[in-house]
C-alpha atoms as a PDB file:
ATOM      1  CA  MET A   1      16.026 -49.344  48.230  1.00  0.00           C
ATOM      2  CA  GLY A   2      15.408 -45.891  47.728  1.00  0.00           C
ATOM      3  CA  LYS A   3      16.571 -45.353  44.180  1.00  0.00           C
ATOM      4  CA  GLN A   4      14.559 -46.228  41.353  1.00  0.00           C
ATOM      5  CA  ALA A   5      16.014 -47.086  38.282  1.00  0.00           C
ATOM      6  CA  VAL A   6      15.344 -44.096  34.855  1.00  0.00           C
ATOM      7  CA  GLN A   7      14.631 -45.930  32.126  1.00  0.00           C
ATOM      8  CA  GLN A   8      16.546 -44.245  29.080  1.00  0.00           C
ATOM      9  CA  ASP A   9      15.299 -43.627  25.938  1.00  0.00           C
ATOM     10  CA  PRO A  10      16.958 -44.666  22.597  1.00  0.00           C
ATOM     11  CA  GLU A  11      15.816 -41.247  20.908  1.00  0.00           C
ATOM     12  CA  ALA A  12      17.122 -39.126  23.870  1.00  0.00           C
ATOM     13  CA  PRO A  13      20.230 -37.257  23.255  1.00  0.00           C
ATOM     14  CA  LYS A  14      23.206 -38.783  24.941  1.00  0.00           C
ATOM     15  CA  THR A  15      24.490 -36.407  27.948  1.00  0.00           C
ATOM     16  CA  GLY A  16      25.185 -38.558  30.143  1.00  0.00           C
ATOM     17  CA  LEU A  17      22.699 -37.462  32.799  1.00  0.00           C
ATOM     18  CA  PRO A  18      19.753 -39.568  33.527  1.00  0.00           C
ATOM     19  CA  VAL A  19      16.332 -38.713  31.514  1.00  0.00           C
ATOM     20  CA  SER A  20      13.286 -39.647  32.190  1.00  0.00           C
ATOM     21  CA  LYS A  21      10.566 -41.202  29.374  1.00  0.00           C
ATOM     22  CA  GLU A  22       8.167 -38.459  30.398  1.00  0.00           C
ATOM     23  CA  THR A  23      10.377 -35.767  29.783  1.00  0.00           C
ATOM     24  CA  THR A  24      11.289 -36.580  26.425  1.00  0.00           C
ATOM     25  CA  ASP A  25       7.892 -37.390  25.543  1.00  0.00           C
ATOM     26  CA  MET A  26       7.026 -33.636  26.787  1.00  0.00           C
ATOM     27  CA  ALA A  27       9.713 -32.328  24.716  1.00  0.00           C
ATOM     28  CA  ARG A  28       8.943 -34.433  21.754  1.00  0.00           C
ATOM     29  CA  VAL A  29       5.209 -33.029  21.879  1.00  0.00           C
ATOM     30  CA  SER A  30       5.880 -29.343  22.553  1.00  0.00           C
ATOM     31  CA  SER A  31       8.476 -29.665  19.320  1.00  0.00           C
ATOM     32  CA  GLU A  32       5.579 -31.116  17.147  1.00  0.00           C
ATOM     33  CA  ALA A  33       3.080 -28.433  18.178  1.00  0.00           C
ATOM     34  CA  THR A  34       5.360 -26.023  16.917  1.00  0.00           C
ATOM     35  CA  ASN A  35       6.926 -27.309  13.985  1.00  0.00           C
ATOM     36  CA  GLY A  36       3.616 -28.593  12.398  1.00  0.00           C
ATOM     37  CA  SER A  37       2.021 -24.892  11.568  1.00  0.00           C
ATOM     38  CA  TRP A  38       1.407 -24.743   7.857  1.00  0.00           C
ATOM     39  CA  PHE A  39       2.133 -20.994   8.507  1.00  0.00           C
ATOM     40  CA  THR A  40       5.581 -20.408   7.495  1.00  0.00           C
ATOM     41  CA  PRO A  41       7.217 -17.059   6.624  1.00  0.00           C
ATOM     42  CA  ILE A  42       7.806 -18.391   2.855  1.00  0.00           C
ATOM     43  CA  ARG A  43       4.136 -19.628   2.779  1.00  0.00           C
ATOM     44  CA  LEU A  44       2.766 -16.380   4.135  1.00  0.00           C
ATOM     45  CA  LEU A  45       4.874 -14.217   1.609  1.00  0.00           C
ATOM     46  CA  VAL A  46       4.026 -16.406  -1.233  1.00  0.00           C
ATOM     47  CA  THR A  47       0.126 -15.916  -0.192  1.00  0.00           C
ATOM     48  CA  PHE A  48       0.338 -12.487   0.072  1.00  0.00           C
ATOM     49  CA  CYS A  49       2.148 -12.005  -2.909  1.00  0.00           C
ATOM     50  CA  LEU A  50      -0.863 -13.720  -5.053  1.00  0.00           C
ATOM     51  CA  ILE A  51      -3.505 -11.833  -3.338  1.00  0.00           C
ATOM     52  CA  ASN A  52      -1.528  -8.667  -4.036  1.00  0.00           C
ATOM     53  CA  PHE A  53      -1.108 -10.004  -7.863  1.00  0.00           C
ATOM     54  CA  ILE A  54      -4.560 -10.590  -8.121  1.00  0.00           C
ATOM     55  CA  ASN A  55      -5.692  -7.468  -6.757  1.00  0.00           C
ATOM     56  CA  PHE A  56      -3.687  -5.634  -9.186  1.00  0.00           C
ATOM     57  CA  VAL A  57      -4.777  -7.548 -12.422  1.00  0.00           C
ATOM     58  CA  HIS A  58      -8.107  -6.797 -11.032  1.00  0.00           C
ATOM     59  CA  ARG A  59      -7.846  -3.213 -10.878  1.00  0.00           C
ATOM     60  CA  GLY A  60      -6.336  -3.476 -14.115  1.00  0.00           C
ATOM     61  CA  ALA A  61      -9.499  -4.919 -15.597  1.00  0.00           C
ATOM     62  CA  VAL A  62     -11.896  -2.759 -14.636  1.00  0.00           C
ATOM     63  CA  ALA A  63      -9.878   0.141 -15.150  1.00  0.00           C
ATOM     64  CA  SER A  64      -8.800  -1.002 -18.842  1.00  0.00           C
ATOM     65  CA  ASN A  65     -12.969  -1.650 -19.246  1.00  0.00           C
ATOM     66  CA  GLY A  66     -13.510   1.924 -18.701  1.00  0.00           C
ATOM     67  CA  VAL A  67     -11.142   3.301 -20.721  1.00  0.00           C
ATOM     68  CA  ASN A  68     -11.388   1.092 -23.902  1.00  0.00           C
ATOM     69  CA  GLY A  69     -15.471   1.184 -23.769  1.00  0.00           C
ATOM     70  CA  ASN A  70     -17.438   2.791 -25.864  1.00  0.00           C
ATOM     71  CA  PRO A  71     -19.942   5.940 -25.282  1.00  0.00           C
ATOM     72  CA  LYS A  72     -23.534   6.000 -26.259  1.00  0.00           C
ATOM     73  CA  ILE A  73     -23.755   7.452 -29.704  1.00  0.00           C
ATOM     74  CA  CYS A  74     -27.068   9.326 -30.522  1.00  0.00           C
ATOM     75  CA  THR A  75     -27.628   9.860 -34.569  1.00  0.00           C
ATOM     76  CA  PRO A  76     -29.328  13.236 -35.286  1.00  0.00           C
ATOM     77  CA  SER A  77     -32.491  10.932 -36.413  1.00  0.00           C
ATOM     78  CA  GLY A  78     -32.627   9.894 -32.774  1.00  0.00           C
ATOM     79  CA  GLN A  79     -31.465   6.403 -33.060  1.00  0.00           C
ATOM     80  CA  CYS A  80     -29.031   5.611 -30.041  1.00  0.00           C
ATOM     81  CA  THR A  81     -26.642   2.791 -29.943  1.00  0.00           C
ATOM     82  CA  PRO A  82     -25.923   1.534 -26.112  1.00  0.00           C
ATOM     83  CA  GLY A  83     -22.556   1.974 -24.981  1.00  0.00           C
ATOM     84  CA  SER A  84     -20.260  -0.661 -23.753  1.00  0.00           C
ATOM     85  CA  GLY A  85     -17.900  -1.038 -21.148  1.00  0.00           C
ATOM     86  CA  ILE A  86     -18.208   0.858 -17.352  1.00  0.00           C
ATOM     87  CA  GLN A  87     -20.549   3.988 -18.228  1.00  0.00           C
END
């Protein structure tokens, strides 16, 4: 009369030891919490590489604008044309 029957979960591993349903439910919830994260090492690496690439291209675009721009030019008669690029 003192023993209670422990129900076996069909998804539980077969170890030969009785495992309660509560134990398998807690293990399942624990594994879902750790495996459900979006931040895997590969995704973080790709994200940081893309951010670094965008920063690199942006710096090149700003630098080439300054190099390839034209300075303000004034003629001896006093007529000036505006410059282009970063002045």
